[in-house]
Amino acid sequence: MLPFHLLMNAKFTRTIEDFTCEHCGAGAKGNGYTNHCPRCLWSKHVDNNPGDRENMCHGLMKPVGVEIKNGESVITHECQKCGAKKRNKSSINDDFDDILKLTPTLL
C-alpha cells in the first residue's frame, strides 16, 4: 500500500530503476521511491512531478539542507544547472553522516 501522502497526490508515478550516481559513481538500487544517491545524497533533476522523468534539465542536484518533519529527515536539493529547489525524504539507506553534515550548527 502506498503511503497516505502519495495516495493523495495523483501526480506521483512510482518508477523502479537502479542508477549510477553521476556525482560520486556509487550504484543505487531503486525501490520506486529512490530519488537520490544514498552515499553522497546528490540527485538529478529529471522529474516535473515525482517519478514522471519529464523534466529536460537533467542537472545535478546538490544536497543543501535538511529539516526534520514528522520525525523524518527531509533533504533539500538545489539544481546546479537551473537553480530549482526540491525537497525529498531521506531513506533508511542514506549515509547518516552526510545527512548530519547538512544540519545547521547549533551555537
PDB file of N, CA and C in Angstrom:
ATOM      1  N   MET A   1       0.844  -1.184   0.000  1.00  0.00           N
ATOM      2  CA  MET A   1       0.000   0.000   0.000  1.00  0.00           C
ATOM      3  C   MET A   1       0.888   1.245   0.000  1.00  0.00           C
ATOM      4  N   LEU A   2       0.519   2.219  -0.801  1.00  0.00           N
ATOM      5  CA  LEU A   2       1.256   3.482  -0.869  1.00  0.00           C
ATOM      6  C   LEU A   2       1.038   4.291   0.397  1.00  0.00           C
ATOM      7  N   PRO A   3       2.049   5.075   0.804  1.00  0.00           N
ATOM      8  CA  PRO A   3       1.859   5.985   1.932  1.00  0.00           C
ATOM      9  C   PRO A   3       0.734   6.975   1.616  1.00  0.00           C
ATOM     10  N   PHE A   4       0.064   7.459   2.667  1.00  0.00           N
ATOM     11  CA  PHE A   4      -1.086   8.351   2.512  1.00  0.00           C
ATOM     12  C   PHE A   4      -0.789   9.560   1.631  1.00  0.00           C
ATOM     13  N   HIS A   5       0.389  10.205   1.838  1.00  0.00           N
ATOM     14  CA  HIS A   5       0.687  11.416   1.061  1.00  0.00           C
ATOM     15  C   HIS A   5       0.813  11.120  -0.431  1.00  0.00           C
ATOM     16  N   LEU A   6       1.153   9.872  -0.795  1.00  0.00           N
ATOM     17  CA  LEU A   6       1.245   9.523  -2.211  1.00  0.00           C
ATOM     18  C   LEU A   6      -0.126   9.164  -2.776  1.00  0.00           C
ATOM     19  N   LEU A   7      -0.983   8.589  -1.939  1.00  0.00           N
ATOM     20  CA  LEU A   7      -2.340   8.297  -2.392  1.00  0.00           C
ATOM     21  C   LEU A   7      -3.081   9.592  -2.737  1.00  0.00           C
ATOM     22  N   MET A   8      -2.774  10.658  -1.997  1.00  0.00           N
ATOM     23  CA  MET A   8      -3.443  11.928  -2.207  1.00  0.00           C
ATOM     24  C   MET A   8      -2.834  12.723  -3.356  1.00  0.00           C
ATOM     25  N   ASN A   9      -1.675  12.308  -3.866  1.00  0.00           N
ATOM     26  CA  ASN A   9      -1.003  13.028  -4.944  1.00  0.00           C
ATOM     27  C   ASN A   9      -1.101  12.206  -6.225  1.00  0.00           C
ATOM     28  N   ALA A  10      -2.094  12.502  -7.044  1.00  0.00           N
ATOM     29  CA  ALA A  10      -2.317  11.746  -8.272  1.00  0.00           C
ATOM     30  C   ALA A  10      -1.195  11.939  -9.283  1.00  0.00           C
ATOM     31  N   LYS A  11      -0.316  12.926  -9.050  1.00  0.00           N
ATOM     32  CA  LYS A  11       0.763  13.199  -9.987  1.00  0.00           C
ATOM     33  C   LYS A  11       2.008  12.365  -9.704  1.00  0.00           C
ATOM     34  N   PHE A  12       1.981  11.524  -8.677  1.00  0.00           N
ATOM     35  CA  PHE A  12       3.123  10.679  -8.351  1.00  0.00           C
ATOM     36  C   PHE A  12       3.118   9.447  -9.243  1.00  0.00           C
ATOM     37  N   THR A  13       4.279   9.138  -9.838  1.00  0.00           N
ATOM     38  CA  THR A  13       4.451   7.936 -10.644  1.00  0.00           C
ATOM     39  C   THR A  13       5.567   7.119 -10.023  1.00  0.00           C
ATOM     40  N   ARG A  14       5.260   5.915  -9.554  1.00  0.00           N
ATOM     41  CA  ARG A  14       6.297   5.070  -8.967  1.00  0.00           C
ATOM     42  C   ARG A  14       7.127   4.477 -10.103  1.00  0.00           C
ATOM     43  N   THR A  15       8.405   4.834 -10.139  1.00  0.00           N
ATOM     44  CA  THR A  15       9.324   4.372 -11.168  1.00  0.00           C
ATOM     45  C   THR A  15      10.459   3.620 -10.489  1.00  0.00           C
ATOM     46  N   ILE A  16      10.497   2.314 -10.669  1.00  0.00           N
ATOM     47  CA  ILE A  16      11.530   1.487 -10.055  1.00  0.00           C
ATOM     48  C   ILE A  16      12.682   1.354 -11.034  1.00  0.00           C
ATOM     49  N   GLU A  17      13.854   1.907 -10.642  1.00  0.00           N
ATOM     50  CA  GLU A  17      15.022   1.817 -11.504  1.00  0.00           C
ATOM     51  C   GLU A  17      16.292   1.967 -10.679  1.00  0.00           C
ATOM     52  N   ASP A  18      17.292   1.196 -11.022  1.00  0.00           N
ATOM     53  CA  ASP A  18      18.614   1.328 -10.421  1.00  0.00           C
ATOM     54  C   ASP A  18      19.374   2.381 -11.226  1.00  0.00           C
ATOM     55  N   PHE A  19      20.373   3.017 -10.582  1.00  0.00           N
ATOM     56  CA  PHE A  19      21.150   4.023 -11.308  1.00  0.00           C
ATOM     57  C   PHE A  19      22.544   4.133 -10.723  1.00  0.00           C
ATOM     58  N   THR A  20      23.434   4.709 -11.505  1.00  0.00           N
ATOM     59  CA  THR A  20      24.776   5.045 -11.045  1.00  0.00           C
ATOM     60  C   THR A  20      24.804   6.546 -10.819  1.00  0.00           C
ATOM     61  N   CYS A  21      25.221   6.937  -9.626  1.00  0.00           N
ATOM     62  CA  CYS A  21      25.259   8.361  -9.279  1.00  0.00           C
ATOM     63  C   CYS A  21      26.254   9.082 -10.177  1.00  0.00           C
ATOM     64  N   GLU A  22      25.816  10.154 -10.800  1.00  0.00           N
ATOM     65  CA  GLU A  22      26.690  10.943 -11.673  1.00  0.00           C
ATOM     66  C   GLU A  22      27.622  11.859 -10.884  1.00  0.00           C
ATOM     67  N   HIS A  23      27.410  11.979  -9.582  1.00  0.00           N
ATOM     68  CA  HIS A  23      28.287  12.808  -8.760  1.00  0.00           C
ATOM     69  C   HIS A  23      29.431  11.996  -8.170  1.00  0.00           C
ATOM     70  N   CYS A  24      29.132  10.827  -7.546  1.00  0.00           N
ATOM     71  CA  CYS A  24      30.187  10.066  -6.870  1.00  0.00           C
ATOM     72  C   CYS A  24      30.463   8.700  -7.490  1.00  0.00           C
ATOM     73  N   GLY A  25      29.621   8.254  -8.422  1.00  0.00           N
ATOM     74  CA  GLY A  25      29.837   6.984  -9.097  1.00  0.00           C
ATOM     75  C   GLY A  25      29.303   5.764  -8.374  1.00  0.00           C
ATOM     76  N   ALA A  26      28.672   5.946  -7.216  1.00  0.00           N
ATOM     77  CA  ALA A  26      28.124   4.807  -6.469  1.00  0.00           C
ATOM     78  C   ALA A  26      26.895   4.252  -7.180  1.00  0.00           C
ATOM     79  N   GLY A  27      26.682   2.959  -7.045  1.00  0.00           N
ATOM     80  CA  GLY A  27      25.482   2.338  -7.573  1.00  0.00           C
ATOM     81  C   GLY A  27      24.357   2.477  -6.572  1.00  0.00           C
ATOM     82  N   ALA A  28      23.144   2.717  -7.057  1.00  0.00           N
ATOM     83  CA  ALA A  28      21.975   2.848  -6.188  1.00  0.00           C
ATOM     84  C   ALA A  28      20.900   1.880  -6.657  1.00  0.00           C
ATOM     85  N   LYS A  29      20.348   1.141  -5.729  1.00  0.00           N
ATOM     86  CA  LYS A  29      19.259   0.197  -6.007  1.00  0.00           C
ATOM     87  C   LYS A  29      17.952   0.933  -5.778  1.00  0.00           C
ATOM     88  N   GLY A  30      17.162   1.080  -6.822  1.00  0.00           N
ATOM     89  CA  GLY A  30      15.902   1.806  -6.711  1.00  0.00           C
ATOM     90  C   GLY A  30      14.771   0.937  -6.188  1.00  0.00           C
ATOM     91  N   ASN A  31      13.833   1.586  -5.491  1.00  0.00           N
ATOM     92  CA  ASN A  31      12.658   0.863  -4.987  1.00  0.00           C
ATOM     93  C   ASN A  31      11.357   1.537  -5.417  1.00  0.00           C
ATOM     94  N   GLY A  32      11.441   2.489  -6.296  1.00  0.00           N
ATOM     95  CA  GLY A  32      10.258   3.216  -6.737  1.00  0.00           C
ATOM     96  C   GLY A  32      10.078   4.537  -6.028  1.00  0.00           C
ATOM     97  N   TYR A  33      10.798   4.725  -4.937  1.00  0.00           N
ATOM     98  CA  TYR A  33      10.765   5.981  -4.195  1.00  0.00           C
ATOM     99  C   TYR A  33      12.155   6.593  -4.109  1.00  0.00           C
ATOM    100  N   THR A  34      13.167   5.904  -4.641  1.00  0.00           N
ATOM    101  CA  THR A  34      14.549   6.363  -4.587  1.00  0.00           C
ATOM    102  C   THR A  34      14.724   7.539  -5.547  1.00  0.00           C
ATOM    103  N   ASN A  35      15.187   8.674  -5.019  1.00  0.00           N
ATOM    104  CA  ASN A  35      15.367   9.844  -5.887  1.00  0.00           C
ATOM    105  C   ASN A  35      16.704  10.525  -5.680  1.00  0.00           C
ATOM    106  N   HIS A  36      17.586   9.890  -4.902  1.00  0.00           N
ATOM    107  CA  HIS A  36      18.922  10.442  -4.706  1.00  0.00           C
ATOM    108  C   HIS A  36      19.871   9.319  -4.317  1.00  0.00           C
ATOM    109  N   CYS A  37      21.155   9.606  -4.447  1.00  0.00           N
ATOM    110  CA  CYS A  37      22.196   8.635  -4.125  1.00  0.00           C
ATOM    111  C   CYS A  37      22.269   8.456  -2.610  1.00  0.00           C
ATOM    112  N   PRO A  38      22.220   7.223  -2.126  1.00  0.00           N
ATOM    113  CA  PRO A  38      22.293   7.011  -0.681  1.00  0.00           C
ATOM    114  C   PRO A  38      23.682   7.276  -0.104  1.00  0.00           C
ATOM    115  N   ARG A  39      24.700   7.296  -0.952  1.00  0.00           N
ATOM    116  CA  ARG A  39      26.063   7.512  -0.465  1.00  0.00           C
ATOM    117  C   ARG A  39      26.404   8.991  -0.305  1.00  0.00           C
ATOM    118  N   CYS A  40      26.166   9.795  -1.350  1.00  0.00           N
ATOM    119  CA  CYS A  40      26.538  11.215  -1.292  1.00  0.00           C
ATOM    120  C   CYS A  40      25.336  12.154  -1.206  1.00  0.00           C
ATOM    121  N   LEU A  41      24.128  11.615  -1.349  1.00  0.00           N
ATOM    122  CA  LEU A  41      22.853  12.332  -1.251  1.00  0.00           C
ATOM    123  C   LEU A  41      22.531  13.226  -2.445  1.00  0.00           C
ATOM    124  N   TRP A  42      23.386  13.264  -3.480  1.00  0.00           N
ATOM    125  CA  TRP A  42      23.095  14.068  -4.663  1.00  0.00           C
ATOM    126  C   TRP A  42      21.959  13.422  -5.456  1.00  0.00           C
ATOM    127  N   SER A  43      21.262  14.238  -6.235  1.00  0.00           N
ATOM    128  CA  SER A  43      20.140  13.786  -7.044  1.00  0.00           C
ATOM    129  C   SER A  43      20.341  14.293  -8.476  1.00  0.00           C
ATOM    130  N   LYS A  44      19.367  14.027  -9.323  1.00  0.00           N
ATOM    131  CA  LYS A  44      19.407  14.517 -10.698  1.00  0.00           C
ATOM    132  C   LYS A  44      18.036  15.100 -11.031  1.00  0.00           C
ATOM    133  N   HIS A  45      18.025  16.244 -11.676  1.00  0.00           N
ATOM    134  CA  HIS A  45      16.785  16.954 -11.995  1.00  0.00           C
ATOM    135  C   HIS A  45      16.129  16.336 -13.231  1.00  0.00           C
ATOM    136  N   VAL A  46      15.319  15.311 -13.007  1.00  0.00           N
ATOM    137  CA  VAL A  46      14.695  14.597 -14.117  1.00  0.00           C
ATOM    138  C   VAL A  46      13.165  14.626 -14.082  1.00  0.00           C
ATOM    139  N   ASP A  47      12.575  15.034 -12.944  1.00  0.00           N
ATOM    140  CA  ASP A  47      11.113  14.976 -12.806  1.00  0.00           C
ATOM    141  C   ASP A  47      10.484  16.356 -12.730  1.00  0.00           C
ATOM    142  N   ASN A  48       9.301  16.495 -13.345  1.00  0.00           N
ATOM    143  CA  ASN A  48       8.432  17.635 -13.078  1.00  0.00           C
ATOM    144  C   ASN A  48       7.576  17.302 -11.865  1.00  0.00           C
ATOM    145  N   ASN A  49       6.969  16.121 -11.905  1.00  0.00           N
ATOM    146  CA  ASN A  49       6.234  15.555 -10.786  1.00  0.00           C
ATOM    147  C   ASN A  49       6.940  14.257 -10.426  1.00  0.00           C
ATOM    148  N   PRO A  50       6.961  13.887  -9.147  1.00  0.00           N
ATOM    149  CA  PRO A  50       7.740  12.716  -8.726  1.00  0.00           C
ATOM    150  C   PRO A  50       7.527  11.478  -9.595  1.00  0.00           C
ATOM    151  N   GLY A  51       8.632  10.994 -10.186  1.00  0.00           N
ATOM    152  CA  GLY A  51       8.615   9.761 -10.960  1.00  0.00           C
ATOM    153  C   GLY A  51       8.271   9.892 -12.423  1.00  0.00           C
ATOM    154  N   ASP A  52       7.907  11.078 -12.919  1.00  0.00           N
ATOM    155  CA  ASP A  52       7.455  11.176 -14.315  1.00  0.00           C
ATOM    156  C   ASP A  52       8.587  11.222 -15.337  1.00  0.00           C
ATOM    157  N   ARG A  53       9.804  11.568 -14.925  1.00  0.00           N
ATOM    158  CA  ARG A  53      11.000  11.643 -15.787  1.00  0.00           C
ATOM    159  C   ARG A  53      10.787  12.542 -17.006  1.00  0.00           C
ATOM    160  N   GLU A  54       9.980  13.620 -16.838  1.00  0.00           N
ATOM    161  CA  GLU A  54       9.643  14.510 -17.948  1.00  0.00           C
ATOM    162  C   GLU A  54      10.424  15.818 -17.962  1.00  0.00           C
ATOM    163  N   ASN A  55      11.250  16.099 -16.946  1.00  0.00           N
ATOM    164  CA  ASN A  55      11.996  17.346 -16.945  1.00  0.00           C
ATOM    165  C   ASN A  55      13.223  17.208 -17.827  1.00  0.00           C
ATOM    166  N   MET A  56      13.460  18.180 -18.678  1.00  0.00           N
ATOM    167  CA  MET A  56      14.560  18.109 -19.638  1.00  0.00           C
ATOM    168  C   MET A  56      15.863  18.708 -19.107  1.00  0.00           C
ATOM    169  N   CYS A  57      15.878  19.273 -17.909  1.00  0.00           N
ATOM    170  CA  CYS A  57      17.064  19.920 -17.358  1.00  0.00           C
ATOM    171  C   CYS A  57      18.222  18.930 -17.179  1.00  0.00           C
ATOM    172  N   HIS A  58      17.984  17.856 -16.463  1.00  0.00           N
ATOM    173  CA  HIS A  58      18.969  16.805 -16.188  1.00  0.00           C
ATOM    174  C   HIS A  58      20.217  17.300 -15.456  1.00  0.00           C
ATOM    175  N   GLY A  59      20.109  18.461 -14.799  1.00  0.00           N
ATOM    176  CA  GLY A  59      21.226  18.962 -13.999  1.00  0.00           C
ATOM    177  C   GLY A  59      21.384  18.160 -12.719  1.00  0.00           C
ATOM    178  N   LEU A  60      22.588  18.166 -12.164  1.00  0.00           N
ATOM    179  CA  LEU A  60      22.815  17.501 -10.886  1.00  0.00           C
ATOM    180  C   LEU A  60      22.289  18.396  -9.774  1.00  0.00           C
ATOM    181  N   MET A  61      21.691  17.754  -8.761  1.00  0.00           N
ATOM    182  CA  MET A  61      21.081  18.481  -7.658  1.00  0.00           C
ATOM    183  C   MET A  61      21.857  18.223  -6.372  1.00  0.00           C
ATOM    184  N   LYS A  62      22.442  19.288  -5.864  1.00  0.00           N
ATOM    185  CA  LYS A  62      23.280  19.225  -4.672  1.00  0.00           C
ATOM    186  C   LYS A  62      22.413  19.233  -3.406  1.00  0.00           C
ATOM    187  N   PRO A  63      22.716  18.365  -2.430  1.00  0.00           N
ATOM    188  CA  PRO A  63      22.001  18.442  -1.156  1.00  0.00           C
ATOM    189  C   PRO A  63      22.476  19.686  -0.406  1.00  0.00           C
ATOM    190  N   VAL A  64      21.557  20.599  -0.097  1.00  0.00           N
ATOM    191  CA  VAL A  64      21.950  21.869   0.512  1.00  0.00           C
ATOM    192  C   VAL A  64      21.373  22.090   1.906  1.00  0.00           C
ATOM    193  N   GLY A  65      20.502  21.223   2.347  1.00  0.00           N
ATOM    194  CA  GLY A  65      19.925  21.390   3.671  1.00  0.00           C
ATOM    195  C   GLY A  65      19.089  20.193   4.063  1.00  0.00           C
ATOM    196  N   VAL A  66      18.758  20.145   5.345  1.00  0.00           N
ATOM    197  CA  VAL A  66      17.902  19.083   5.854  1.00  0.00           C
ATOM    198  C   VAL A  66      17.060  19.650   6.991  1.00  0.00           C
ATOM    199  N   GLU A  67      15.839  19.162   7.092  1.00  0.00           N
ATOM    200  CA  GLU A  67      14.969  19.528   8.197  1.00  0.00           C
ATOM    201  C   GLU A  67      14.258  18.264   8.676  1.00  0.00           C
ATOM    202  N   ILE A  68      13.799  18.288   9.887  1.00  0.00           N
ATOM    203  CA  ILE A  68      13.036  17.170  10.430  1.00  0.00           C
ATOM    204  C   ILE A  68      11.564  17.537  10.361  1.00  0.00           C
ATOM    205  N   LYS A  69      10.787  16.684   9.699  1.00  0.00           N
ATOM    206  CA  LYS A  69       9.352  16.916   9.573  1.00  0.00           C
ATOM    207  C   LYS A  69       8.632  15.620   9.921  1.00  0.00           C
ATOM    208  N   ASN A  70       7.766  15.684  10.894  1.00  0.00           N
ATOM    209  CA  ASN A  70       7.037  14.500  11.370  1.00  0.00           C
ATOM    210  C   ASN A  70       7.980  13.359  11.710  1.00  0.00           C
ATOM    211  N   GLY A  71       9.133  13.700  12.298  1.00  0.00           N
ATOM    212  CA  GLY A  71      10.096  12.685  12.720  1.00  0.00           C
ATOM    213  C   GLY A  71      10.965  12.131  11.608  1.00  0.00           C
ATOM    214  N   GLU A  72      10.844  12.662  10.386  1.00  0.00           N
ATOM    215  CA  GLU A  72      11.639  12.176   9.252  1.00  0.00           C
ATOM    216  C   GLU A  72      12.541  13.294   8.730  1.00  0.00           C
ATOM    217  N   SER A  73      13.710  12.906   8.232  1.00  0.00           N
ATOM    218  CA  SER A  73      14.626  13.867   7.627  1.00  0.00           C
ATOM    219  C   SER A  73      14.168  14.166   6.203  1.00  0.00           C
ATOM    220  N   VAL A  74      14.071  15.449   5.887  1.00  0.00           N
ATOM    221  CA  VAL A  74      13.699  15.886   4.545  1.00  0.00           C
ATOM    222  C   VAL A  74      14.875  16.699   4.001  1.00  0.00           C
ATOM    223  N   ILE A  75      15.445  16.217   2.898  1.00  0.00           N
ATOM    224  CA  ILE A  75      16.624  16.834   2.299  1.00  0.00           C
ATOM    225  C   ILE A  75      16.194  17.829   1.226  1.00  0.00           C
ATOM    226  N   THR A  76      16.793  19.012   1.237  1.00  0.00           N
ATOM    227  CA  THR A  76      16.570  19.990   0.177  1.00  0.00           C
ATOM    228  C   THR A  76      17.714  19.872  -0.815  1.00  0.00           C
ATOM    229  N   HIS A  77      17.353  19.732  -2.101  1.00  0.00           N
ATOM    230  CA  HIS A  77      18.330  19.658  -3.186  1.00  0.00           C
ATOM    231  C   HIS A  77      18.191  20.907  -4.047  1.00  0.00           C
ATOM    232  N   GLU A  78      19.314  21.415  -4.531  1.00  0.00           N
ATOM    233  CA  GLU A  78      19.313  22.565  -5.435  1.00  0.00           C
ATOM    234  C   GLU A  78      20.006  22.176  -6.737  1.00  0.00           C
ATOM    235  N   CYS A  79      19.300  22.378  -7.857  1.00  0.00           N
ATOM    236  CA  CYS A  79      19.853  22.043  -9.164  1.00  0.00           C
ATOM    237  C   CYS A  79      21.012  22.975  -9.495  1.00  0.00           C
ATOM    238  N   GLN A  80      22.142  22.398  -9.860  1.00  0.00           N
ATOM    239  CA  GLN A  80      23.338  23.169 -10.184  1.00  0.00           C
ATOM    240  C   GLN A  80      23.279  23.753 -11.595  1.00  0.00           C
ATOM    241  N   LYS A  81      22.282  23.352 -12.369  1.00  0.00           N
ATOM    242  CA  LYS A  81      22.136  23.854 -13.745  1.00  0.00           C
ATOM    243  C   LYS A  81      21.092  24.974 -13.830  1.00  0.00           C
ATOM    244  N   CYS A  82      19.913  24.763 -13.234  1.00  0.00           N
ATOM    245  CA  CYS A  82      18.837  25.748 -13.382  1.00  0.00           C
ATOM    246  C   CYS A  82      18.445  26.435 -12.080  1.00  0.00           C
ATOM    247  N   GLY A  83      18.959  25.952 -10.943  1.00  0.00           N
ATOM    248  CA  GLY A  83      18.682  26.587  -9.661  1.00  0.00           C
ATOM    249  C   GLY A  83      17.411  26.131  -8.956  1.00  0.00           C
ATOM    250  N   ALA A  84      16.655  25.228  -9.577  1.00  0.00           N
ATOM    251  CA  ALA A  84      15.421  24.743  -8.939  1.00  0.00           C
ATOM    252  C   ALA A  84      15.748  24.055  -7.621  1.00  0.00           C
ATOM    253  N   LYS A  85      14.825  24.177  -6.661  1.00  0.00           N
ATOM    254  CA  LYS A  85      14.975  23.504  -5.378  1.00  0.00           C
ATOM    255  C   LYS A  85      13.826  22.529  -5.195  1.00  0.00           C
ATOM    256  N   LYS A  86      14.166  21.354  -4.671  1.00  0.00           N
ATOM    257  CA  LYS A  86      13.159  20.329  -4.392  1.00  0.00           C
ATOM    258  C   LYS A  86      13.472  19.698  -3.048  1.00  0.00           C
ATOM    259  N   ARG A  87      12.446  19.271  -2.363  1.00  0.00           N
ATOM    260  CA  ARG A  87      12.604  18.596  -1.078  1.00  0.00           C
ATOM    261  C   ARG A  87      12.251  17.125  -1.250  1.00  0.00           C
ATOM    262  N   ASN A  88      13.071  16.259  -0.627  1.00  0.00           N
ATOM    263  CA  ASN A  88      12.871  14.823  -0.734  1.00  0.00           C
ATOM    264  C   ASN A  88      13.128  14.170   0.612  1.00  0.00           C
ATOM    265  N   LYS A  89      12.297  13.196   0.961  1.00  0.00           N
ATOM    266  CA  LYS A  89      12.510  12.460   2.196  1.00  0.00           C
ATOM    267  C   LYS A  89      13.790  11.650   2.105  1.00  0.00           C
ATOM    268  N   SER A  90      14.461  11.535   3.230  1.00  0.00           N
ATOM    269  CA  SER A  90      15.644  10.678   3.277  1.00  0.00           C
ATOM    270  C   SER A  90      15.185   9.220   3.303  1.00  0.00           C
ATOM    271  N   SER A  91      16.131   8.343   3.102  1.00  0.00           N
ATOM    272  CA  SER A  91      15.873   6.902   3.090  1.00  0.00           C
ATOM    273  C   SER A  91      16.690   6.233   4.183  1.00  0.00           C
ATOM    274  N   ILE A  92      16.242   5.102   4.630  1.00  0.00           N
ATOM    275  CA  ILE A  92      16.986   4.326   5.628  1.00  0.00           C
ATOM    276  C   ILE A  92      18.376   3.955   5.115  1.00  0.00           C
ATOM    277  N   ASN A  93      18.543   3.904   3.804  1.00  0.00           N
ATOM    278  CA  ASN A  93      19.823   3.543   3.187  1.00  0.00           C
ATOM    279  C   ASN A  93      20.787   4.715   3.056  1.00  0.00           C
ATOM    280  N   ASP A  94      20.325   5.923   3.344  1.00  0.00           N
ATOM    281  CA  ASP A  94      21.172   7.110   3.180  1.00  0.00           C
ATOM    282  C   ASP A  94      22.309   7.133   4.198  1.00  0.00           C
ATOM    283  N   ASP A  95      23.423   7.717   3.790  1.00  0.00           N
ATOM    284  CA  ASP A  95      24.574   7.877   4.671  1.00  0.00           C
ATOM    285  C   ASP A  95      24.221   8.908   5.747  1.00  0.00           C
ATOM    286  N   PHE A  96      24.023   8.424   6.971  1.00  0.00           N
ATOM    287  CA  PHE A  96      23.576   9.288   8.056  1.00  0.00           C
ATOM    288  C   PHE A  96      24.590  10.389   8.367  1.00  0.00           C
ATOM    289  N   ASP A  97      25.877  10.089   8.250  1.00  0.00           N
ATOM    290  CA  ASP A  97      26.902  11.108   8.490  1.00  0.00           C
ATOM    291  C   ASP A  97      26.762  12.271   7.508  1.00  0.00           C
ATOM    292  N   ASP A  98      26.434  11.969   6.243  1.00  0.00           N
ATOM    293  CA  ASP A  98      26.241  13.044   5.261  1.00  0.00           C
ATOM    294  C   ASP A  98      24.981  13.853   5.565  1.00  0.00           C
ATOM    295  N   ILE A  99      23.942  13.198   6.078  1.00  0.00           N
ATOM    296  CA  ILE A  99      22.736  13.933   6.476  1.00  0.00           C
ATOM    297  C   ILE A  99      23.072  14.887   7.618  1.00  0.00           C
ATOM    298  N   LEU A 100      23.840  14.403   8.592  1.00  0.00           N
ATOM    299  CA  LEU A 100      24.233  15.255   9.720  1.00  0.00           C
ATOM    300  C   LEU A 100      25.030  16.473   9.266  1.00  0.00           C
ATOM    301  N   LYS A 101      25.842  16.316   8.225  1.00  0.00           N
ATOM    302  CA  LYS A 101      26.631  17.437   7.717  1.00  0.00           C
ATOM    303  C   LYS A 101      25.747  18.557   7.158  1.00  0.00           C
ATOM    304  N   LEU A 102      24.507  18.230   6.788  1.00  0.00           N
ATOM    305  CA  LEU A 102      23.578  19.224   6.236  1.00  0.00           C
ATOM    306  C   LEU A 102      22.835  20.008   7.312  1.00  0.00           C
ATOM    307  N   THR A 103      22.894  19.544   8.564  1.00  0.00           N
ATOM    308  CA  THR A 103      22.170  20.214   9.633  1.00  0.00           C
ATOM    309  C   THR A 103      22.892  21.476  10.062  1.00  0.00           C
ATOM    310  N   PRO A 104      22.149  22.497  10.403  1.00  0.00           N
ATOM    311  CA  PRO A 104      22.804  23.718  10.872  1.00  0.00           C
ATOM    312  C   PRO A 104      23.530  23.460  12.190  1.00  0.00           C
ATOM    313  N   THR A 105      24.635  24.133  12.373  1.00  0.00           N
ATOM    314  CA  THR A 105      25.399  24.009  13.607  1.00  0.00           C
ATOM    315  C   THR A 105      24.716  24.827  14.692  1.00  0.00           C
ATOM    316  N   LEU A 106      24.477  24.193  15.828  1.00  0.00           N
ATOM    317  CA  LEU A 106      23.868  24.888  16.953  1.00  0.00           C
ATOM    318  C   LEU A 106      24.962  25.546  17.789  1.00  0.00           C
ATOM    319  N   LEU A 107      24.811  26.804  18.102  1.00  0.00           N
ATOM    320  CA  LEU A 107      25.799  27.525  18.904  1.00  0.00           C
ATOM    321  C   LEU A 107      25.418  27.515  20.356  1.00  0.00           C
TER     322      LEU A 107
END
